[in-house]
Amino acid sequence: VQLVESGGGLVQAGGSLGLSCAASESTFTIDAMGWYRQAPGKQRELVASITSDSGSTNYADSVKGRFTISRGNAKNTMYLQMNSLKPEDTAVYYCNAGDYGGFYDYWGQGTQVTVSS
C-alpha cells in the first residue's frame, strides 16, 4: 500500500492549509489513518487520527480546535484542515495508516508545512 500526500506549503501565521492523503488501495490492513509531524530537532509526534470503521477522531492537545481530520467517501482517503496556524506548527507532515495491532504500518513521503510569523 502506498500513501500519497498532497497539500502543504508556506503560509503566514493565522492562515489555513489543507493536506490530503490517499492510499493506493482499500485494504483490510487499514484500521485507522493519521497525520504525524516532525519539526527539526524534535521527535515525530501524532497530530490527529481517524478510524476507518466509526470515524472516531483523536487530536493532539496542541492542535485541538484548530485542526480537523476527516475521511473521504472512499475510506482510503483522508484530509487534514489546518486553521489558525502558528509558527510552531512548522514541520514535515506525514500520512500514516495501519491496523490496530501495529503489524501493518504504512507511511507517506512527507510534505512540508511552513508557517511564517
PDB file of N, CA and C in Angstrom:
ATOM      1  N   VAL A   1       0.851  -1.177   0.000  1.00  0.00           N
ATOM      2  CA  VAL A   1       0.000   0.000   0.000  1.00  0.00           C
ATOM      3  C   VAL A   1       0.893   1.236   0.000  1.00  0.00           C
ATOM      4  N   GLN A   2       0.618   2.131  -0.907  1.00  0.00           N
ATOM      5  CA  GLN A   2       1.354   3.393  -0.943  1.00  0.00           C
ATOM      6  C   GLN A   2       0.446   4.527  -0.511  1.00  0.00           C
ATOM      7  N   LEU A   3       0.998   5.448   0.232  1.00  0.00           N
ATOM      8  CA  LEU A   3       0.261   6.628   0.668  1.00  0.00           C
ATOM      9  C   LEU A   3       0.817   7.837  -0.074  1.00  0.00           C
ATOM     10  N   VAL A   4      -0.068   8.576  -0.715  1.00  0.00           N
ATOM     11  CA  VAL A   4       0.336   9.743  -1.485  1.00  0.00           C
ATOM     12  C   VAL A   4      -0.259  10.986  -0.852  1.00  0.00           C
ATOM     13  N   GLU A   5       0.597  11.898  -0.448  1.00  0.00           N
ATOM     14  CA  GLU A   5       0.171  13.129   0.202  1.00  0.00           C
ATOM     15  C   GLU A   5       0.181  14.280  -0.785  1.00  0.00           C
ATOM     16  N   SER A   6      -0.653  15.251  -0.513  1.00  0.00           N
ATOM     17  CA  SER A   6      -0.645  16.497  -1.275  1.00  0.00           C
ATOM     18  C   SER A   6      -1.067  17.623  -0.354  1.00  0.00           C
ATOM     19  N   GLY A   7      -0.748  18.832  -0.766  1.00  0.00           N
ATOM     20  CA  GLY A   7      -1.040  19.989   0.052  1.00  0.00           C
ATOM     21  C   GLY A   7       0.217  20.465   0.743  1.00  0.00           C
ATOM     22  N   GLY A   8       0.051  21.255   1.760  1.00  0.00           N
ATOM     23  CA  GLY A   8       1.201  21.830   2.433  1.00  0.00           C
ATOM     24  C   GLY A   8       1.688  23.073   1.721  1.00  0.00           C
ATOM     25  N   GLY A   9       2.778  23.616   2.228  1.00  0.00           N
ATOM     26  CA  GLY A   9       3.343  24.820   1.628  1.00  0.00           C
ATOM     27  C   GLY A   9       3.677  25.856   2.675  1.00  0.00           C
ATOM     28  N   LEU A  10       3.701  27.098   2.239  1.00  0.00           N
ATOM     29  CA  LEU A  10       4.072  28.227   3.098  1.00  0.00           C
ATOM     30  C   LEU A  10       2.857  29.109   3.334  1.00  0.00           C
ATOM     31  N   VAL A  11       2.640  29.474   4.583  1.00  0.00           N
ATOM     32  CA  VAL A  11       1.512  30.317   4.934  1.00  0.00           C
ATOM     33  C   VAL A  11       1.906  31.223   6.092  1.00  0.00           C
ATOM     34  N   GLN A  12       1.266  32.361   6.195  1.00  0.00           N
ATOM     35  CA  GLN A  12       1.525  33.246   7.323  1.00  0.00           C
ATOM     36  C   GLN A  12       0.767  32.773   8.551  1.00  0.00           C
ATOM     37  N   ALA A  13       1.264  33.148   9.699  1.00  0.00           N
ATOM     38  CA  ALA A  13       0.586  32.813  10.948  1.00  0.00           C
ATOM     39  C   ALA A  13      -0.855  33.303  10.915  1.00  0.00           C
ATOM     40  N   GLY A  14      -1.751  32.437  11.392  1.00  0.00           N
ATOM     41  CA  GLY A  14      -3.165  32.758  11.357  1.00  0.00           C
ATOM     42  C   GLY A  14      -3.873  32.253  10.121  1.00  0.00           C
ATOM     43  N   GLY A  15      -3.110  31.797   9.156  1.00  0.00           N
ATOM     44  CA  GLY A  15      -3.673  31.309   7.916  1.00  0.00           C
ATOM     45  C   GLY A  15      -4.099  29.856   7.994  1.00  0.00           C
ATOM     46  N   SER A  16      -4.515  29.330   6.843  1.00  0.00           N
ATOM     47  CA  SER A  16      -5.021  27.951   6.767  1.00  0.00           C
ATOM     48  C   SER A  16      -4.348  27.184   5.636  1.00  0.00           C
ATOM     49  N   LEU A  17      -4.261  25.895   5.831  1.00  0.00           N
ATOM     50  CA  LEU A  17      -3.760  24.983   4.802  1.00  0.00           C
ATOM     51  C   LEU A  17      -4.515  23.667   4.920  1.00  0.00           C
ATOM     52  N   GLY A  18      -4.561  22.934   3.812  1.00  0.00           N
ATOM     53  CA  GLY A  18      -5.168  21.620   3.840  1.00  0.00           C
ATOM     54  C   GLY A  18      -4.229  20.567   3.305  1.00  0.00           C
ATOM     55  N   LEU A  19      -4.254  19.406   3.915  1.00  0.00           N
ATOM     56  CA  LEU A  19      -3.451  18.276   3.473  1.00  0.00           C
ATOM     57  C   LEU A  19      -4.385  17.137   3.064  1.00  0.00           C
ATOM     58  N   SER A  20      -3.960  16.377   2.073  1.00  0.00           N
ATOM     59  CA  SER A  20      -4.711  15.211   1.637  1.00  0.00           C
ATOM     60  C   SER A  20      -3.804  13.998   1.600  1.00  0.00           C
ATOM     61  N   CYS A  21      -4.393  12.846   1.818  1.00  0.00           N
ATOM     62  CA  CYS A  21      -3.640  11.598   1.752  1.00  0.00           C
ATOM     63  C   CYS A  21      -4.535  10.539   1.124  1.00  0.00           C
ATOM     64  N   ALA A  22      -4.006   9.833   0.168  1.00  0.00           N
ATOM     65  CA  ALA A  22      -4.762   8.767  -0.481  1.00  0.00           C
ATOM     66  C   ALA A  22      -3.952   7.485  -0.473  1.00  0.00           C
ATOM     67  N   ALA A  23      -4.560   6.422  -0.021  1.00  0.00           N
ATOM     68  CA  ALA A  23      -3.923   5.106  -0.077  1.00  0.00           C
ATOM     69  C   ALA A  23      -4.162   4.516  -1.462  1.00  0.00           C
ATOM     70  N   SER A  24      -3.194   3.789  -1.940  1.00  0.00           N
ATOM     71  CA  SER A  24      -3.259   3.247  -3.306  1.00  0.00           C
ATOM     72  C   SER A  24      -4.336   2.184  -3.463  1.00  0.00           C
ATOM     73  N   GLU A  25      -4.806   1.647  -2.346  1.00  0.00           N
ATOM     74  CA  GLU A  25      -5.839   0.641  -2.409  1.00  0.00           C
ATOM     75  C   GLU A  25      -6.593   0.574  -1.091  1.00  0.00           C
ATOM     76  N   SER A  26      -7.823   0.165  -1.167  1.00  0.00           N
ATOM     77  CA  SER A  26      -8.583  -0.096   0.049  1.00  0.00           C
ATOM     78  C   SER A  26      -8.218  -1.494   0.515  1.00  0.00           C
ATOM     79  N   THR A  27      -7.954  -1.635   1.785  1.00  0.00           N
ATOM     80  CA  THR A  27      -7.478  -2.918   2.280  1.00  0.00           C
ATOM     81  C   THR A  27      -7.906  -3.138   3.707  1.00  0.00           C
ATOM     82  N   PHE A  28      -8.065  -4.404   4.052  1.00  0.00           N
ATOM     83  CA  PHE A  28      -8.442  -4.753   5.417  1.00  0.00           C
ATOM     84  C   PHE A  28      -7.314  -4.434   6.400  1.00  0.00           C
ATOM     85  N   THR A  29      -6.134  -4.151   5.871  1.00  0.00           N
ATOM     86  CA  THR A  29      -4.987  -3.892   6.756  1.00  0.00           C
ATOM     87  C   THR A  29      -4.984  -2.487   7.334  1.00  0.00           C
ATOM     88  N   ILE A  30      -5.954  -1.659   6.909  1.00  0.00           N
ATOM     89  CA  ILE A  30      -6.010  -0.299   7.418  1.00  0.00           C
ATOM     90  C   ILE A  30      -7.205  -0.155   8.347  1.00  0.00           C
ATOM     91  N   ASP A  31      -6.937  -0.043   9.628  1.00  0.00           N
ATOM     92  CA  ASP A  31      -7.980   0.197  10.625  1.00  0.00           C
ATOM     93  C   ASP A  31      -8.101   1.680  10.964  1.00  0.00           C
ATOM     94  N   ALA A  32      -7.024   2.406  10.780  1.00  0.00           N
ATOM     95  CA  ALA A  32      -7.013   3.823  11.112  1.00  0.00           C
ATOM     96  C   ALA A  32      -5.969   4.542  10.273  1.00  0.00           C
ATOM     97  N   MET A  33      -6.189   5.823  10.103  1.00  0.00           N
ATOM     98  CA  MET A  33      -5.236   6.677   9.400  1.00  0.00           C
ATOM     99  C   MET A  33      -4.950   7.883  10.273  1.00  0.00           C
ATOM    100  N   GLY A  34      -3.796   8.478  10.077  1.00  0.00           N
ATOM    101  CA  GLY A  34      -3.461   9.629  10.901  1.00  0.00           C
ATOM    102  C   GLY A  34      -2.392  10.494  10.280  1.00  0.00           C
ATOM    103  N   TRP A  35      -2.209  11.641  10.877  1.00  0.00           N
ATOM    104  CA  TRP A  35      -1.159  12.573  10.487  1.00  0.00           C
ATOM    105  C   TRP A  35      -0.169  12.720  11.630  1.00  0.00           C
ATOM    106  N   TYR A  36       1.091  12.607  11.302  1.00  0.00           N
ATOM    107  CA  TYR A  36       2.179  12.873  12.227  1.00  0.00           C
ATOM    108  C   TYR A  36       2.963  14.064  11.694  1.00  0.00           C
ATOM    109  N   ARG A  37       3.736  14.681  12.563  1.00  0.00           N
ATOM    110  CA  ARG A  37       4.627  15.738  12.110  1.00  0.00           C
ATOM    111  C   ARG A  37       5.944  15.668  12.839  1.00  0.00           C
ATOM    112  N   GLN A  38       6.957  16.173  12.175  1.00  0.00           N
ATOM    113  CA  GLN A  38       8.289  16.200  12.763  1.00  0.00           C
ATOM    114  C   GLN A  38       8.955  17.520  12.429  1.00  0.00           C
ATOM    115  N   ALA A  39       9.246  18.272  13.470  1.00  0.00           N
ATOM    116  CA  ALA A  39       9.950  19.535  13.317  1.00  0.00           C
ATOM    117  C   ALA A  39      11.454  19.288  13.460  1.00  0.00           C
ATOM    118  N   PRO A  40      12.279  20.154  12.925  1.00  0.00           N
ATOM    119  CA  PRO A  40      13.730  19.970  13.035  1.00  0.00           C
ATOM    120  C   PRO A  40      14.172  19.817  14.484  1.00  0.00           C
ATOM    121  N   GLY A  41      14.932  18.774  14.748  1.00  0.00           N
ATOM    122  CA  GLY A  41      15.463  18.559  16.085  1.00  0.00           C
ATOM    123  C   GLY A  41      14.477  17.984  17.078  1.00  0.00           C
ATOM    124  N   LYS A  42      13.273  17.644  16.600  1.00  0.00           N
ATOM    125  CA  LYS A  42      12.262  17.111  17.506  1.00  0.00           C
ATOM    126  C   LYS A  42      11.816  15.728  17.046  1.00  0.00           C
ATOM    127  N   GLN A  43      11.188  15.016  17.947  1.00  0.00           N
ATOM    128  CA  GLN A  43      10.673  13.697  17.618  1.00  0.00           C
ATOM    129  C   GLN A  43       9.377  13.812  16.831  1.00  0.00           C
ATOM    130  N   ARG A  44       9.111  12.800  16.044  1.00  0.00           N
ATOM    131  CA  ARG A  44       7.850  12.756  15.313  1.00  0.00           C
ATOM    132  C   ARG A  44       6.712  12.597  16.321  1.00  0.00           C
ATOM    133  N   GLU A  45       5.641  13.358  16.106  1.00  0.00           N
ATOM    134  CA  GLU A  45       4.513  13.305  17.028  1.00  0.00           C
ATOM    135  C   GLU A  45       3.208  13.133  16.264  1.00  0.00           C
ATOM    136  N   LEU A  46       2.244  12.498  16.941  1.00  0.00           N
ATOM    137  CA  LEU A  46       0.923  12.324  16.360  1.00  0.00           C
ATOM    138  C   LEU A  46       0.174  13.646  16.416  1.00  0.00           C
ATOM    139  N   VAL A  47      -0.408  14.033  15.295  1.00  0.00           N
ATOM    140  CA  VAL A  47      -1.206  15.254  15.229  1.00  0.00           C
ATOM    141  C   VAL A  47      -2.680  14.919  15.366  1.00  0.00           C
ATOM    142  N   ALA A  48      -3.145  13.966  14.576  1.00  0.00           N
ATOM    143  CA  ALA A  48      -4.552  13.587  14.592  1.00  0.00           C
ATOM    144  C   ALA A  48      -4.701  12.230  13.936  1.00  0.00           C
ATOM    145  N   SER A  49      -5.753  11.525  14.335  1.00  0.00           N
ATOM    146  CA  SER A  49      -6.018  10.221  13.737  1.00  0.00           C
ATOM    147  C   SER A  49      -7.520  10.018  13.600  1.00  0.00           C
ATOM    148  N   ILE A  50      -7.878   9.080  12.709  1.00  0.00           N
ATOM    149  CA  ILE A  50      -9.284   8.771  12.477  1.00  0.00           C
ATOM    150  C   ILE A  50      -9.401   7.292  12.150  1.00  0.00           C
ATOM    151  N   THR A  51     -10.418   6.637  12.723  1.00  0.00           N
ATOM    152  CA  THR A  51     -10.594   5.211  12.484  1.00  0.00           C
ATOM    153  C   THR A  51     -11.395   4.983  11.208  1.00  0.00           C
ATOM    154  N   SER A  52     -11.148   3.850  10.599  1.00  0.00           N
ATOM    155  CA  SER A  52     -11.797   3.540   9.333  1.00  0.00           C
ATOM    156  C   SER A  52     -13.250   3.123   9.526  1.00  0.00           C
ATOM    157  N   ASP A  53     -13.557   2.484  10.645  1.00  0.00           N
ATOM    158  CA  ASP A  53     -14.910   1.969  10.810  1.00  0.00           C
ATOM    159  C   ASP A  53     -15.881   3.045  11.282  1.00  0.00           C
ATOM    160  N   SER A  54     -15.634   3.601  12.445  1.00  0.00           N
ATOM    161  CA  SER A  54     -16.589   4.554  13.014  1.00  0.00           C
ATOM    162  C   SER A  54     -16.261   6.006  12.709  1.00  0.00           C
ATOM    163  N   GLY A  55     -15.056   6.261  12.233  1.00  0.00           N
ATOM    164  CA  GLY A  55     -14.663   7.652  12.007  1.00  0.00           C
ATOM    165  C   GLY A  55     -14.321   8.393  13.286  1.00  0.00           C
ATOM    166  N   SER A  56     -14.050   7.650  14.347  1.00  0.00           N
ATOM    167  CA  SER A  56     -13.666   8.275  15.604  1.00  0.00           C
ATOM    168  C   SER A  56     -12.340   9.007  15.429  1.00  0.00           C
ATOM    169  N   THR A  57     -12.260  10.213  16.013  1.00  0.00           N
ATOM    170  CA  THR A  57     -11.073  11.036  15.837  1.00  0.00           C
ATOM    171  C   THR A  57     -10.338  11.273  17.147  1.00  0.00           C
ATOM    172  N   ASN A  58      -9.078  11.607  17.007  1.00  0.00           N
ATOM    173  CA  ASN A  58      -8.232  11.905  18.158  1.00  0.00           C
ATOM    174  C   ASN A  58      -7.264  12.995  17.742  1.00  0.00           C
ATOM    175  N   TYR A  59      -7.027  13.963  18.638  1.00  0.00           N
ATOM    176  CA  TYR A  59      -6.166  15.088  18.318  1.00  0.00           C
ATOM    177  C   TYR A  59      -5.131  15.317  19.409  1.00  0.00           C
ATOM    178  N   ALA A  60      -3.973  15.782  19.002  1.00  0.00           N
ATOM    179  CA  ALA A  60      -3.004  16.266  19.973  1.00  0.00           C
ATOM    180  C   ALA A  60      -3.553  17.526  20.618  1.00  0.00           C
ATOM    181  N   ASP A  61      -3.244  17.735  21.886  1.00  0.00           N
ATOM    182  CA  ASP A  61      -3.751  18.909  22.590  1.00  0.00           C
ATOM    183  C   ASP A  61      -3.355  20.206  21.886  1.00  0.00           C
ATOM    184  N   SER A  62      -2.192  20.205  21.281  1.00  0.00           N
ATOM    185  CA  SER A  62      -1.665  21.428  20.677  1.00  0.00           C
ATOM    186  C   SER A  62      -2.453  21.870  19.439  1.00  0.00           C
ATOM    187  N   VAL A  63      -3.269  20.981  18.868  1.00  0.00           N
ATOM    188  CA  VAL A  63      -3.997  21.337  17.648  1.00  0.00           C
ATOM    189  C   VAL A  63      -5.512  21.295  17.824  1.00  0.00           C
ATOM    190  N   LYS A  64      -5.975  20.892  18.982  1.00  0.00           N
ATOM    191  CA  LYS A  64      -7.418  20.813  19.217  1.00  0.00           C
ATOM    192  C   LYS A  64      -8.070  22.174  18.996  1.00  0.00           C
ATOM    193  N   GLY A  65      -9.172  22.138  18.276  1.00  0.00           N
ATOM    194  CA  GLY A  65      -9.891  23.378  17.994  1.00  0.00           C
ATOM    195  C   GLY A  65      -9.379  24.126  16.783  1.00  0.00           C
ATOM    196  N   ARG A  66      -8.225  23.711  16.256  1.00  0.00           N
ATOM    197  CA  ARG A  66      -7.661  24.388  15.085  1.00  0.00           C
ATOM    198  C   ARG A  66      -7.583  23.473  13.868  1.00  0.00           C
ATOM    199  N   PHE A  67      -7.314  22.198  14.112  1.00  0.00           N
ATOM    200  CA  PHE A  67      -7.177  21.228  13.027  1.00  0.00           C
ATOM    201  C   PHE A  67      -8.390  20.301  13.002  1.00  0.00           C
ATOM    202  N   THR A  68      -8.745  19.862  11.808  1.00  0.00           N
ATOM    203  CA  THR A  68      -9.842  18.916  11.654  1.00  0.00           C
ATOM    204  C   THR A  68      -9.421  17.808  10.704  1.00  0.00           C
ATOM    205  N   ILE A  69      -9.524  16.579  11.180  1.00  0.00           N
ATOM    206  CA  ILE A  69      -9.215  15.418  10.343  1.00  0.00           C
ATOM    207  C   ILE A  69     -10.525  14.823   9.858  1.00  0.00           C
ATOM    208  N   SER A  70     -10.524  14.352   8.624  1.00  0.00           N
ATOM    209  CA  SER A  70     -11.736  13.771   8.074  1.00  0.00           C
ATOM    210  C   SER A  70     -11.382  12.714   7.027  1.00  0.00           C
ATOM    211  N   ARG A  71     -12.385  11.904   6.684  1.00  0.00           N
ATOM    212  CA  ARG A  71     -12.208  10.894   5.641  1.00  0.00           C
ATOM    213  C   ARG A  71     -12.992  11.302   4.405  1.00  0.00           C
ATOM    214  N   GLY A  72     -12.539  10.799   3.276  1.00  0.00           N
ATOM    215  CA  GLY A  72     -13.300  10.981   2.067  1.00  0.00           C
ATOM    216  C   GLY A  72     -14.366   9.905   1.959  1.00  0.00           C
ATOM    217  N   ASN A  73     -15.178   9.989   0.925  1.00  0.00           N
ATOM    218  CA  ASN A  73     -16.200   8.957   0.705  1.00  0.00           C
ATOM    219  C   ASN A  73     -15.544   7.593   0.512  1.00  0.00           C
ATOM    220  N   ALA A  74     -14.425   7.600  -0.150  1.00  0.00           N
ATOM    221  CA  ALA A  74     -13.603   6.393  -0.231  1.00  0.00           C
ATOM    222  C   ALA A  74     -12.772   6.353   1.037  1.00  0.00           C
ATOM    223  N   LYS A  75     -12.908   5.310   1.804  1.00  0.00           N
ATOM    224  CA  LYS A  75     -12.280   5.281   3.130  1.00  0.00           C
ATOM    225  C   LYS A  75     -10.767   5.210   3.082  1.00  0.00           C
ATOM    226  N   ASN A  76     -10.212   5.122   1.891  1.00  0.00           N
ATOM    227  CA  ASN A  76      -8.760   5.129   1.811  1.00  0.00           C
ATOM    228  C   ASN A  76      -8.211   6.530   1.560  1.00  0.00           C
ATOM    229  N   THR A  77      -9.052   7.552   1.771  1.00  0.00           N
ATOM    230  CA  THR A  77      -8.587   8.923   1.651  1.00  0.00           C
ATOM    231  C   THR A  77      -8.807   9.656   2.968  1.00  0.00           C
ATOM    232  N   MET A  78      -7.973  10.627   3.209  1.00  0.00           N
ATOM    233  CA  MET A  78      -8.005  11.342   4.478  1.00  0.00           C
ATOM    234  C   MET A  78      -7.559  12.777   4.248  1.00  0.00           C
ATOM    235  N   TYR A  79      -8.108  13.687   5.061  1.00  0.00           N
ATOM    236  CA  TYR A  79      -7.783  15.097   4.922  1.00  0.00           C
ATOM    237  C   TYR A  79      -7.442  15.687   6.285  1.00  0.00           C
ATOM    238  N   LEU A  80      -6.660  16.727   6.261  1.00  0.00           N
ATOM    239  CA  LEU A  80      -6.380  17.493   7.473  1.00  0.00           C
ATOM    240  C   LEU A  80      -6.521  18.971   7.142  1.00  0.00           C
ATOM    241  N   GLN A  81      -7.531  19.594   7.713  1.00  0.00           N
ATOM    242  CA  GLN A  81      -7.727  21.029   7.540  1.00  0.00           C
ATOM    243  C   GLN A  81      -7.075  21.723   8.723  1.00  0.00           C
ATOM    244  N   MET A  82      -6.156  22.609   8.427  1.00  0.00           N
ATOM    245  CA  MET A  82      -5.401  23.293   9.474  1.00  0.00           C
ATOM    246  C   MET A  82      -5.725  24.781   9.433  1.00  0.00           C
ATOM    247  N   ASN A  83      -6.323  25.273  10.504  1.00  0.00           N
ATOM    248  CA  ASN A  83      -6.683  26.681  10.606  1.00  0.00           C
ATOM    249  C   ASN A  83      -5.908  27.339  11.740  1.00  0.00           C
ATOM    250  N   SER A  84      -5.898  28.639  11.738  1.00  0.00           N
ATOM    251  CA  SER A  84      -5.207  29.411  12.787  1.00  0.00           C
ATOM    252  C   SER A  84      -3.794  28.887  13.008  1.00  0.00           C
ATOM    253  N   LEU A  85      -3.092  28.706  11.927  1.00  0.00           N
ATOM    254  CA  LEU A  85      -1.755  28.122  12.009  1.00  0.00           C
ATOM    255  C   LEU A  85      -0.793  29.018  12.763  1.00  0.00           C
ATOM    256  N   LYS A  86       0.118  28.369  13.472  1.00  0.00           N
ATOM    257  CA  LYS A  86       1.123  29.056  14.276  1.00  0.00           C
ATOM    258  C   LYS A  86       2.517  28.671  13.772  1.00  0.00           C
ATOM    259  N   PRO A  87       3.512  29.506  14.023  1.00  0.00           N
ATOM    260  CA  PRO A  87       4.871  29.141  13.609  1.00  0.00           C
ATOM    261  C   PRO A  87       5.323  27.792  14.165  1.00  0.00           C
ATOM    262  N   GLU A  88       4.850  27.443  15.350  1.00  0.00           N
ATOM    263  CA  GLU A  88       5.233  26.157  15.938  1.00  0.00           C
ATOM    264  C   GLU A  88       4.587  24.963  15.247  1.00  0.00           C
ATOM    265  N   ASP A  89       3.694  25.205  14.318  1.00  0.00           N
ATOM    266  CA  ASP A  89       3.135  24.126  13.512  1.00  0.00           C
ATOM    267  C   ASP A  89       4.058  23.757  12.349  1.00  0.00           C
ATOM    268  N   THR A  90       5.092  24.524  12.157  1.00  0.00           N
ATOM    269  CA  THR A  90       6.033  24.252  11.081  1.00  0.00           C
ATOM    270  C   THR A  90       6.702  22.896  11.282  1.00  0.00           C
ATOM    271  N   ALA A  91       6.603  22.047  10.274  1.00  0.00           N
ATOM    272  CA  ALA A  91       7.142  20.691  10.366  1.00  0.00           C
ATOM    273  C   ALA A  91       6.922  19.985   9.034  1.00  0.00           C
ATOM    274  N   VAL A  92       7.505  18.816   8.926  1.00  0.00           N
ATOM    275  CA  VAL A  92       7.150  17.908   7.841  1.00  0.00           C
ATOM    276  C   VAL A  92       6.005  17.043   8.348  1.00  0.00           C
ATOM    277  N   TYR A  93       4.930  17.020   7.598  1.00  0.00           N
ATOM    278  CA  TYR A  93       3.746  16.265   7.991  1.00  0.00           C
ATOM    279  C   TYR A  93       3.698  14.958   7.206  1.00  0.00           C
ATOM    280  N   TYR A  94       3.462  13.863   7.927  1.00  0.00           N
ATOM    281  CA  TYR A  94       3.451  12.537   7.335  1.00  0.00           C
ATOM    282  C   TYR A  94       2.081  11.889   7.489  1.00  0.00           C
ATOM    283  N   CYS A  95       1.629  11.277   6.436  1.00  0.00           N
ATOM    284  CA  CYS A  95       0.416  10.474   6.469  1.00  0.00           C
ATOM    285  C   CYS A  95       0.787   9.062   6.931  1.00  0.00           C
ATOM    286  N   ASN A  96      -0.053   8.492   7.763  1.00  0.00           N
ATOM    287  CA  ASN A  96       0.190   7.148   8.279  1.00  0.00           C
ATOM    288  C   ASN A  96      -1.098   6.333   8.238  1.00  0.00           C
ATOM    289  N   ALA A  97      -0.975   5.051   7.995  1.00  0.00           N
ATOM    290  CA  ALA A  97      -2.134   4.165   8.012  1.00  0.00           C
ATOM    291  C   ALA A  97      -1.678   2.793   8.464  1.00  0.00           C
ATOM    292  N   GLY A  98      -2.591   2.067   9.103  1.00  0.00           N
ATOM    293  CA  GLY A  98      -2.239   0.739   9.537  1.00  0.00           C
ATOM    294  C   GLY A  98      -3.333   0.086  10.341  1.00  0.00           C
ATOM    295  N   ASP A  99      -3.029  -1.068  10.863  1.00  0.00           N
ATOM    296  CA  ASP A  99      -4.006  -1.797  11.658  1.00  0.00           C
ATOM    297  C   ASP A  99      -3.787  -1.513  13.135  1.00  0.00           C
ATOM    298  N   TYR A 100      -4.728  -1.901  13.961  1.00  0.00           N
ATOM    299  CA  TYR A 100      -4.648  -1.615  15.395  1.00  0.00           C
ATOM    300  C   TYR A 100      -3.497  -2.378  16.055  1.00  0.00           C
ATOM    301  N   GLY A 101      -3.178  -3.519  15.517  1.00  0.00           N
ATOM    302  CA  GLY A 101      -2.135  -4.322  16.143  1.00  0.00           C
ATOM    303  C   GLY A 101      -0.731  -3.871  15.827  1.00  0.00           C
ATOM    304  N   GLY A 102      -0.606  -2.943  14.864  1.00  0.00           N
ATOM    305  CA  GLY A 102       0.726  -2.456  14.522  1.00  0.00           C
ATOM    306  C   GLY A 102       1.487  -3.349  13.572  1.00  0.00           C
ATOM    307  N   PHE A 103       0.842  -4.391  13.085  1.00  0.00           N
ATOM    308  CA  PHE A 103       1.534  -5.283  12.156  1.00  0.00           C
ATOM    309  C   PHE A 103       1.695  -4.625  10.795  1.00  0.00           C
ATOM    310  N   TYR A 104       0.675  -3.923  10.379  1.00  0.00           N
ATOM    311  CA  TYR A 104       0.730  -3.184   9.117  1.00  0.00           C
ATOM    312  C   TYR A 104       0.905  -1.705   9.443  1.00  0.00           C
ATOM    313  N   ASP A 105       1.899  -1.083   8.839  1.00  0.00           N
ATOM    314  CA  ASP A 105       2.231   0.306   9.167  1.00  0.00           C
ATOM    315  C   ASP A 105       2.768   0.972   7.909  1.00  0.00           C
ATOM    316  N   TYR A 106       1.968   1.849   7.330  1.00  0.00           N
ATOM    317  CA  TYR A 106       2.328   2.493   6.075  1.00  0.00           C
ATOM    318  C   TYR A 106       2.570   3.980   6.303  1.00  0.00           C
ATOM    319  N   TRP A 107       3.523   4.527   5.562  1.00  0.00           N
ATOM    320  CA  TRP A 107       3.872   5.945   5.703  1.00  0.00           C
ATOM    321  C   TRP A 107       3.955   6.619   4.332  1.00  0.00           C
ATOM    322  N   GLY A 108       3.536   7.876   4.309  1.00  0.00           N
ATOM    323  CA  GLY A 108       3.726   8.700   3.126  1.00  0.00           C
ATOM    324  C   GLY A 108       5.119   9.295   3.119  1.00  0.00           C
ATOM    325  N   GLN A 109       5.414  10.021   2.081  1.00  0.00           N
ATOM    326  CA  GLN A 109       6.756  10.560   1.912  1.00  0.00           C
ATOM    327  C   GLN A 109       6.975  11.848   2.697  1.00  0.00           C
ATOM    328  N   GLY A 110       5.913  12.438   3.170  1.00  0.00           N
ATOM    329  CA  GLY A 110       6.022  13.673   3.949  1.00  0.00           C
ATOM    330  C   GLY A 110       5.828  14.899   3.086  1.00  0.00           C
ATOM    331  N   THR A 111       5.218  15.913   3.664  1.00  0.00           N
ATOM    332  CA  THR A 111       5.026  17.179   2.975  1.00  0.00           C
ATOM    333  C   THR A 111       5.338  18.321   3.951  1.00  0.00           C
ATOM    334  N   GLN A 112       6.029  19.330   3.462  1.00  0.00           N
ATOM    335  CA  GLN A 112       6.480  20.418   4.326  1.00  0.00           C
ATOM    336  C   GLN A 112       5.369  21.440   4.538  1.00  0.00           C
ATOM    337  N   VAL A 113       5.187  21.805   5.780  1.00  0.00           N
ATOM    338  CA  VAL A 113       4.300  22.913   6.143  1.00  0.00           C
ATOM    339  C   VAL A 113       5.155  23.940   6.878  1.00  0.00           C
ATOM    340  N   THR A 114       5.173  25.153   6.367  1.00  0.00           N
ATOM    341  CA  THR A 114       5.947  26.223   6.975  1.00  0.00           C
ATOM    342  C   THR A 114       5.028  27.388   7.281  1.00  0.00           C
ATOM    343  N   VAL A 115       5.034  27.808   8.545  1.00  0.00           N
ATOM    344  CA  VAL A 115       4.202  28.928   8.979  1.00  0.00           C
ATOM    345  C   VAL A 115       5.122  30.067   9.387  1.00  0.00           C
ATOM    346  N   SER A 116       5.023  31.178   8.690  1.00  0.00           N
ATOM    347  CA  SER A 116       5.881  32.327   8.982  1.00  0.00           C
ATOM    348  C   SER A 116       5.201  33.252   9.982  1.00  0.00           C
ATOM    349  N   SER A 117       6.012  33.886  10.791  1.00  0.00           N
ATOM    350  CA  SER A 117       5.458  34.789  11.815  1.00  0.00           C
ATOM    351  C   SER A 117       5.325  36.201  11.291  1.00  0.00           C
TER     352      SER A 117
END
